[in-house]
């Protein structure tokens, strides 16, 4: 139980960071989907 009490403040500290990075991930997701066909197009096996 003391370990949980020790990790609880760390979790509360990391929670806002997670909430901050979540929209960023949603923003980068379409970019990844856009670059995926480009990467498959540039791969040597398609040439």
Protein backbone atom coordinates (compact mmCIF):
# COMPACT_ATOMS: atom_id res chain seq x y z
CA UNK A 1 0.00 0.00 0.00
CA UNK A 2 2.82 2.54 0.69
CA UNK A 3 3.96 2.10 -2.93
CA UNK A 4 0.51 3.19 -4.16
CA UNK A 5 0.69 6.29 -1.98
CA UNK A 6 4.05 7.06 -3.50
CA UNK A 7 2.89 6.63 -7.11
CA UNK A 8 -0.38 8.55 -6.72
CA UNK A 9 1.18 12.06 -6.87
CA UNK A 10 3.20 11.02 -9.93
CA UNK A 11 0.00 9.88 -11.65
CA UNK A 12 -1.67 13.21 -10.83
CA UNK A 13 1.36 14.98 -12.24
CA UNK A 14 1.37 13.00 -15.51
CA UNK A 15 -2.38 13.22 -16.08
CA UNK A 16 -2.39 16.83 -17.39
CA UNK A 17 0.54 15.99 -19.66
CA UNK A 18 -1.47 13.11 -21.13
CA UNK A 19 -4.44 15.41 -21.67
CA UNK A 20 -2.12 17.87 -23.35
CA UNK A 21 -0.60 15.28 -25.71
CA UNK A 22 -3.91 13.66 -26.65
CA UNK A 23 -5.05 16.44 -29.04
CA UNK A 24 -1.56 16.48 -30.50
CA UNK A 25 -1.84 12.76 -31.26
CA UNK A 26 -5.20 13.33 -32.92
CA UNK A 27 -3.60 16.10 -34.95
CA UNK A 28 -0.69 13.93 -36.10
CA UNK A 29 -2.88 10.95 -36.98
CA UNK A 30 -4.13 12.36 -40.32
CA UNK A 31 -0.58 13.41 -41.14
CA UNK A 32 0.56 9.83 -40.60
CA UNK A 33 -2.24 8.55 -42.84
CA UNK A 34 -1.15 11.07 -45.45
CA UNK A 35 2.51 10.05 -45.32
CA UNK A 36 1.77 6.32 -45.34
CA UNK A 37 0.92 6.07 -49.07
CA UNK A 38 3.88 8.31 -49.83
CA UNK A 39 6.21 5.98 -47.94
CA UNK A 40 4.80 2.92 -49.70
CA UNK A 41 5.21 4.72 -53.00
CA UNK A 42 8.83 5.57 -52.32
CA UNK A 43 9.74 2.07 -51.16
CA UNK A 44 12.16 0.31 -53.57
CA UNK A 45 9.91 -2.73 -54.04
CA UNK A 46 7.34 -0.62 -55.93
CA UNK A 47 9.88 0.86 -58.29
